[in-house]
Amino acid sequence: MASDLSSTIVAELEAASRLRTSQFFVTQRPWLDLYGVRIRPVAAFGSVSNKPSNDPALIHRVLPDELLYEIFARMPPYYLGRASCVCRKWRYTIRNPVFWRNACLRAWQLAGVVENYKILHSKYEGSWRKMWLLRPRVRTDGLYVSRNTYIRAGVAEWKITNPVHLVCYFRYIRFFPSGRFLYKNSSQKLRDVAKFMNFRASKTDCVYRGQYTLSDDKVEAALLYPGMRPTVLRIRLRLRGTTVGANNRMDLLSLVTSGVNDNEANHSEDVLDVVEGWQDDETHNPDVPAVSHKRGLTPFIFVPFEEVETSVLNLPVDKMDYFVPD
């Protein structure tokens, strides 16, 4: 059974290149008409009609279908759904499973090609698009942001008032398809942090690197805080979405800090393997006790990069929170 599946996968991967110029809408090309070349139009991919069709739209008469295909192939999968609403031709073209196959294999590359094909046929009826919509995945085209607040007592002035301060801070996470992620805990606003949430960030930016794994809708992540007493941060998350396929929310299930010994601190690139199987109260450095944090567990909200500047998370505290006296 495994050999049959592997041969099917190899055959489909080899046939993918032959689909690049077939099974999508073909229209007339004016520059070929000058030389008397005529190309017979074919029905769009996914169309119930087998009759040739001509599209009178100007953009389709001057834009080669090969270029249109290449544009869709390079377009992020999150925008393919929007592009399919433009016209019927684009809708039929985007139904080509090659686009969704590439998106799925890229999103779940940690599982491997063979495992993704097994899941495709066992759970999603062989539909790559259905798999993309229904299977939980971490989004990589933006940042997950958790906004946390707490009340801190201020210094009494002249024994008349007892001021309090509303403190606001954020947790930022950026995931990558390779199984790595970036983490930052800061009071800075979203528009300021998004600029250096990349692997080129300097140590002064306090952006830490870690590893994560995805199992169904559960995310296990870990990172190492360097220093005199190295500390490992273990994060457990659960993916969900406000709509089907959105994956724009993550519940923070647990947040645990533990100590590591000197030997374990040297394996910062494989920190997830180091803490595998650890209990919540387990620590390998007696000077750094294990702490399971109960505060600051606000769910994460996903913000795409194009919405970083306009997000409501950039608003000041007095616009986001209100103090109601007793």
Protein backbone atom coordinates (compact mmCIF):
# COMPACT_ATOMS: atom_id res chain seq x y z
CA MET A 1 0.00 0.00 0.00
CA ALA A 2 2.84 2.39 0.89
CA SER A 3 4.67 1.66 -2.38
CA ASP A 4 1.51 2.30 -4.42
CA LEU A 5 1.00 5.61 -2.65
CA SER A 6 4.62 6.63 -3.17
CA SER A 7 4.47 5.83 -6.89
CA THR A 8 1.24 7.83 -7.18
CA ILE A 9 2.89 10.81 -5.48
CA VAL A 10 5.94 10.68 -7.74
CA ALA A 11 3.75 10.44 -10.84
CA GLU A 12 1.69 13.43 -9.74
CA LEU A 13 4.75 15.52 -8.95
CA GLU A 14 6.25 14.73 -12.36
CA ALA A 15 2.98 15.60 -14.08
CA ALA A 16 2.67 18.94 -12.27
CA SER A 17 5.01 20.68 -14.71
CA ARG A 18 2.88 19.55 -17.65
CA LEU A 19 -0.14 21.28 -16.14
CA ARG A 20 1.48 24.66 -16.26
CA THR A 21 0.19 25.47 -19.72
CA SER A 22 -2.93 23.35 -19.83
CA GLN A 23 -6.41 23.07 -18.32
CA PHE A 24 -6.97 26.79 -17.98
CA PHE A 25 -8.71 29.42 -20.07
CA VAL A 26 -6.92 30.31 -23.32
CA THR A 27 -7.73 33.50 -25.22
CA GLN A 28 -6.50 35.16 -28.39
CA ARG A 29 -3.15 36.89 -28.42
CA PRO A 30 -2.95 40.02 -30.61
CA TRP A 31 0.80 39.73 -31.31
CA LEU A 32 0.36 36.16 -32.55
CA ASP A 33 -2.55 37.26 -34.76
CA LEU A 34 -0.14 39.59 -36.57
CA TYR A 35 1.75 36.53 -37.77
CA GLY A 36 -1.36 34.59 -38.65
CA VAL A 37 -1.06 32.24 -35.70
CA ARG A 38 -4.39 31.04 -34.34
CA ILE A 39 -4.78 29.30 -31.00
CA ARG A 40 -7.96 27.41 -30.38
CA PRO A 41 -9.54 28.47 -27.05
CA VAL A 42 -10.40 25.74 -24.56
CA ALA A 43 -12.78 25.52 -21.63
CA ALA A 44 -11.54 26.68 -18.24
CA PHE A 45 -10.38 24.23 -15.62
CA GLY A 46 -13.32 23.10 -13.52
CA SER A 47 -15.90 24.31 -16.02
CA VAL A 48 -18.87 22.01 -16.66
CA SER A 49 -18.88 23.09 -20.29
CA ASN A 50 -16.57 21.60 -22.89
CA LYS A 51 -17.34 24.30 -25.46
CA PRO A 52 -14.57 26.76 -26.37
CA SER A 53 -15.10 30.20 -24.86
CA ASN A 54 -13.89 33.65 -25.78
CA ASP A 55 -13.52 36.36 -23.17
CA PRO A 56 -14.11 39.89 -24.51
CA ALA A 57 -12.38 41.58 -21.53
CA LEU A 58 -9.42 43.72 -22.62
CA ILE A 59 -7.08 42.40 -19.93
CA HIS A 60 -7.66 38.83 -21.10
CA ARG A 61 -7.06 39.75 -24.73
CA VAL A 62 -3.66 41.31 -24.02
CA LEU A 63 -2.47 39.20 -21.06
CA PRO A 64 -1.17 35.76 -22.04
CA ASP A 65 -2.64 32.90 -20.08
CA GLU A 66 0.83 31.60 -19.34
CA LEU A 67 1.63 34.87 -17.56
CA LEU A 68 -1.70 34.76 -15.74
CA TYR A 69 -0.85 31.29 -14.52
CA GLU A 70 2.59 32.42 -13.36
CA ILE A 71 1.02 35.34 -11.48
CA PHE A 72 -1.38 33.04 -9.66
CA ALA A 73 1.42 30.56 -8.94
CA ARG A 74 3.42 33.31 -7.19
CA MET A 75 0.43 34.83 -5.42
CA PRO A 76 0.08 34.04 -1.69
CA PRO A 77 -2.71 31.49 -1.21
CA TYR A 78 -4.56 33.88 1.09
CA TYR A 79 -5.23 36.13 -1.92
CA LEU A 80 -6.27 33.40 -4.34
CA GLY A 81 -9.76 33.41 -2.87
CA ARG A 82 -10.04 37.16 -3.43
CA ALA A 83 -8.75 36.85 -6.99
CA SER A 84 -11.34 34.16 -7.77
CA CYS A 85 -14.08 36.75 -7.14
CA VAL A 86 -12.84 39.04 -9.94
CA CYS A 87 -14.37 37.18 -12.88
CA ARG A 88 -15.44 33.77 -14.06
CA LYS A 89 -12.22 33.09 -15.91
CA TRP A 90 -10.07 33.75 -12.86
CA ARG A 91 -12.37 31.62 -10.75
CA TYR A 92 -12.05 28.65 -13.06
CA THR A 93 -8.30 29.14 -13.40
CA ILE A 94 -7.77 29.21 -9.63
CA ARG A 95 -9.68 25.95 -9.32
CA ASN A 96 -6.60 24.27 -10.73
CA PRO A 97 -5.43 21.98 -7.87
CA VAL A 98 -1.78 22.75 -8.61
CA PHE A 99 -2.07 26.11 -6.83
CA TRP A 100 -3.55 24.57 -3.69
CA ARG A 101 -1.20 21.59 -3.77
CA ASN A 102 1.83 23.87 -3.70
CA ALA A 103 0.29 25.94 -0.90
CA CYS A 104 -0.48 22.86 1.22
CA LEU A 105 2.93 21.23 0.76
CA ARG A 106 4.58 24.52 1.71
CA ALA A 107 2.37 25.11 4.77
CA TRP A 108 2.80 21.59 6.19
CA GLN A 109 6.30 20.89 4.94
CA LEU A 110 7.33 19.58 8.37
CA ALA A 111 4.99 16.60 7.96
CA GLY A 112 6.62 15.53 4.69
CA VAL A 113 5.18 14.94 1.22
CA VAL A 114 4.09 11.34 1.77
CA GLU A 115 2.31 12.11 5.05
CA ASN A 116 0.51 15.07 3.49
CA TYR A 117 -0.75 12.85 0.66
CA LYS A 118 -2.01 10.28 3.17
CA ILE A 119 -3.92 12.95 5.08
CA LEU A 120 -5.23 14.38 1.80
CA HIS A 121 -6.87 11.12 0.74
CA SER A 122 -7.98 9.95 4.19
CA LYS A 123 -9.58 13.17 5.49
CA TYR A 124 -10.15 15.59 2.61
CA GLU A 125 -11.35 13.39 -0.26
CA GLY A 126 -8.32 14.18 -2.40
CA SER A 127 -9.10 17.92 -2.56
CA TRP A 128 -6.12 20.19 -1.92
CA ARG A 129 -8.38 23.24 -1.64
CA LYS A 130 -10.56 21.52 0.95
CA MET A 131 -7.44 20.54 2.86
CA TRP A 132 -6.22 24.15 2.81
CA LEU A 133 -9.52 25.43 4.20
CA LEU A 134 -10.23 22.82 6.86
CA ARG A 135 -6.86 21.63 8.15
CA PRO A 136 -5.43 23.78 11.01
CA ARG A 137 -2.24 25.61 10.12
CA VAL A 138 -0.13 28.46 11.48
CA ARG A 139 -0.12 31.55 9.32
CA THR A 140 3.20 32.95 8.17
CA ASP A 141 2.09 36.14 6.42
CA GLY A 142 1.93 38.26 9.57
CA LEU A 143 2.28 38.33 13.35
CA TYR A 144 0.31 36.74 16.17
CA VAL A 145 -0.16 39.36 18.91
CA SER A 146 -1.32 38.94 22.50
CA ARG A 147 -2.23 42.16 24.34
CA ASN A 148 -2.04 41.97 28.13
CA THR A 149 -2.81 44.53 30.81
CA TYR A 150 -2.60 44.67 34.59
CA ILE A 151 -3.07 47.25 37.36
CA ARG A 152 -0.04 48.50 39.29
CA ALA A 153 -0.35 50.65 42.39
CA GLY A 154 1.34 54.02 42.19
CA VAL A 155 3.02 56.21 44.80
CA ALA A 156 0.56 58.09 47.02
CA GLU A 157 0.85 61.87 46.76
CA TRP A 158 0.30 63.95 49.94
CA LYS A 159 -1.79 61.13 51.40
CA ILE A 160 -4.76 62.40 49.41
CA THR A 161 -4.98 60.07 46.43
CA ASN A 162 -3.92 56.50 45.80
CA PRO A 163 -3.09 56.43 42.07
CA VAL A 164 -3.02 53.27 40.01
CA HIS A 165 -1.38 52.65 36.65
CA LEU A 166 -2.72 50.51 33.83
CA VAL A 167 0.30 48.69 32.38
CA CYS A 168 0.05 47.30 28.86
CA TYR A 169 2.48 44.91 27.17
CA PHE A 170 2.43 42.62 24.14
CA ARG A 171 3.62 39.16 23.19
CA TYR A 172 4.61 38.88 19.52
CA ILE A 173 5.12 35.62 17.59
CA ARG A 174 6.07 35.19 13.96
CA PHE A 175 6.01 31.64 12.55
CA PHE A 176 7.96 30.27 9.60
CA PRO A 177 7.08 27.15 7.55
CA SER A 178 10.44 25.58 8.40
CA GLY A 179 9.41 25.00 12.04
CA ARG A 180 11.14 28.07 13.47
CA PHE A 181 9.57 31.11 15.06
CA LEU A 182 10.49 34.49 16.51
CA TYR A 183 9.24 35.74 19.88
CA LYS A 184 9.29 39.14 21.52
CA ASN A 185 7.78 40.42 24.77
CA SER A 186 7.56 44.20 24.72
CA SER A 187 5.49 47.26 25.49
CA GLN A 188 6.19 48.66 22.01
CA LYS A 189 3.34 49.03 19.56
CA LEU A 190 2.75 46.68 16.68
CA ARG A 191 3.92 49.05 13.95
CA ASP A 192 7.28 49.47 15.68
CA VAL A 193 7.91 45.80 16.41
CA ALA A 194 6.99 44.46 12.97
CA LYS A 195 10.03 46.20 11.43
CA PHE A 196 12.58 43.96 13.14
CA MET A 197 10.67 40.67 13.58
CA ASN A 198 13.11 38.84 11.31
CA PHE A 199 16.27 36.78 11.63
CA ARG A 200 18.43 39.85 10.93
CA ALA A 201 17.38 41.46 14.21
CA SER A 202 20.20 42.41 16.57
CA LYS A 203 20.51 41.37 20.21
CA THR A 204 19.41 44.82 21.33
CA ASP A 205 16.02 44.21 19.70
CA CYS A 206 15.42 41.30 22.14
CA VAL A 207 13.93 39.04 19.47
CA TYR A 208 14.38 35.41 20.47
CA ARG A 209 14.40 32.38 18.19
CA GLY A 210 12.71 29.08 18.89
CA GLN A 211 11.22 25.92 17.40
CA TYR A 212 7.64 24.71 17.16
CA THR A 213 5.67 21.67 16.06
CA LEU A 214 2.05 21.45 14.90
CA SER A 215 -0.17 18.46 15.71
CA ASP A 216 -3.78 18.88 14.59
CA ASP A 217 -4.72 22.22 16.17
CA LYS A 218 -2.10 22.12 18.96
CA VAL A 219 1.17 24.05 18.77
CA GLU A 220 4.14 23.13 20.98
CA ALA A 221 6.87 25.79 21.02
CA ALA A 222 10.05 26.37 22.98
CA LEU A 223 12.85 28.93 23.04
CA LEU A 224 15.95 29.58 25.12
CA TYR A 225 16.66 32.82 26.97
CA PRO A 226 20.48 33.19 27.06
CA GLY A 227 22.34 34.71 29.96
CA MET A 228 24.12 33.81 33.19
CA ARG A 229 21.22 31.50 34.09
CA PRO A 230 19.78 30.17 30.82
CA THR A 231 16.03 29.73 30.95
CA VAL A 232 13.79 27.82 28.57
CA LEU A 233 10.31 29.11 27.76
CA ARG A 234 7.73 26.45 26.83
CA ILE A 235 4.52 27.56 25.13
CA ARG A 236 1.42 25.50 24.38
CA LEU A 237 -1.13 26.99 21.98
CA ARG A 238 -4.38 25.97 20.32
CA LEU A 239 -5.31 27.19 16.85
CA ARG A 240 -8.79 28.38 15.93
CA GLY A 241 -10.40 30.87 13.56
CA THR A 242 -13.26 33.34 13.41
CA THR A 243 -14.21 31.89 9.99
CA VAL A 244 -13.46 28.66 8.15
CA GLY A 245 -9.80 28.49 7.22
CA ALA A 246 -8.90 31.79 8.91
CA ASN A 247 -6.61 30.39 11.66
CA ASN A 248 -6.44 33.94 13.00
CA ARG A 249 -6.72 33.15 16.72
CA MET A 250 -4.53 31.15 19.11
CA ASP A 251 -5.44 30.33 22.69
CA LEU A 252 -2.49 30.37 25.08
CA LEU A 253 -2.94 27.13 27.03
CA SER A 254 0.20 27.26 29.16
CA LEU A 255 3.36 29.29 29.60
CA VAL A 256 6.16 27.66 31.61
CA THR A 257 9.72 28.82 32.33
CA SER A 258 12.35 26.33 33.53
CA GLY A 259 16.08 26.21 34.07
CA VAL A 260 18.52 24.22 31.92
CA ASN A 261 22.02 22.99 32.66
CA ASP A 262 25.13 24.08 30.79
CA ASN A 263 25.07 21.12 28.41
CA GLU A 264 21.45 21.73 27.41
CA ALA A 265 22.10 25.46 26.99
CA ASN A 266 24.51 24.68 24.14
CA HIS A 267 21.68 23.14 22.08
CA SER A 268 19.67 26.30 21.52
CA GLU A 269 18.91 25.30 17.91
CA ASP A 270 17.32 22.02 19.08
CA VAL A 271 15.66 23.30 22.23
CA LEU A 272 12.38 21.56 21.38
CA ASP A 273 14.14 18.18 21.47
CA VAL A 274 15.79 19.09 24.77
CA VAL A 275 12.50 19.79 26.60
CA GLU A 276 10.55 16.95 25.01
CA GLY A 277 8.74 14.98 27.70
CA TRP A 278 9.38 17.51 30.46
CA GLN A 279 6.75 18.00 33.16
CA ASP A 280 5.42 21.47 33.95
CA ASP A 281 7.27 21.54 37.29
CA GLU A 282 10.52 20.11 35.91
CA THR A 283 13.76 22.10 35.90
CA HIS A 284 17.37 21.08 35.35
CA ASN A 285 18.91 24.03 37.19
CA PRO A 286 18.19 24.35 40.93
CA ASP A 287 18.85 28.09 40.75
CA VAL A 288 16.03 28.57 38.24
CA PRO A 289 12.79 27.00 39.51
CA ALA A 290 10.03 25.97 37.14
CA VAL A 291 7.22 28.53 37.05
CA SER A 292 3.85 27.99 35.39
CA HIS A 293 2.55 31.47 34.65
CA LYS A 294 -1.13 32.10 35.28
CA ARG A 295 -1.25 35.75 34.23
CA GLY A 296 -0.77 37.26 30.81
CA LEU A 297 -2.52 34.40 28.97
CA THR A 298 -4.61 36.56 26.66
CA PRO A 299 -5.35 34.83 23.31
CA PHE A 300 -3.25 35.75 20.28
CA ILE A 301 -4.80 37.68 17.40
CA PHE A 302 -3.34 37.40 13.91
CA VAL A 303 -2.44 40.63 12.09
CA PRO A 304 -1.31 40.42 8.42
CA PHE A 305 1.71 42.50 7.46
CA GLU A 306 -0.36 44.80 5.25
CA GLU A 307 -2.55 45.72 8.25
CA VAL A 308 0.28 46.41 10.69
CA GLU A 309 0.12 50.19 10.32
CA THR A 310 -3.68 50.45 10.60
CA SER A 311 -4.35 47.85 13.30
CA VAL A 312 -6.27 48.91 16.40
CA LEU A 313 -3.47 47.39 18.48
CA ASN A 314 -1.50 50.57 17.78
CA LEU A 315 -4.00 52.70 19.73
CA PRO A 316 -2.89 54.13 23.09
CA VAL A 317 -4.07 52.62 26.35
CA ASP A 318 -6.63 55.35 27.03
CA LYS A 319 -8.34 54.55 23.72
CA MET A 320 -8.39 50.79 24.29
CA ASP A 321 -9.14 50.51 28.01
CA TYR A 322 -11.41 52.42 30.36
CA PHE A 323 -11.30 52.59 34.13
CA VAL A 324 -14.74 52.39 35.73
CA PRO A 325 -14.78 53.49 39.40
CA ASP A 326 -16.86 51.60 41.97
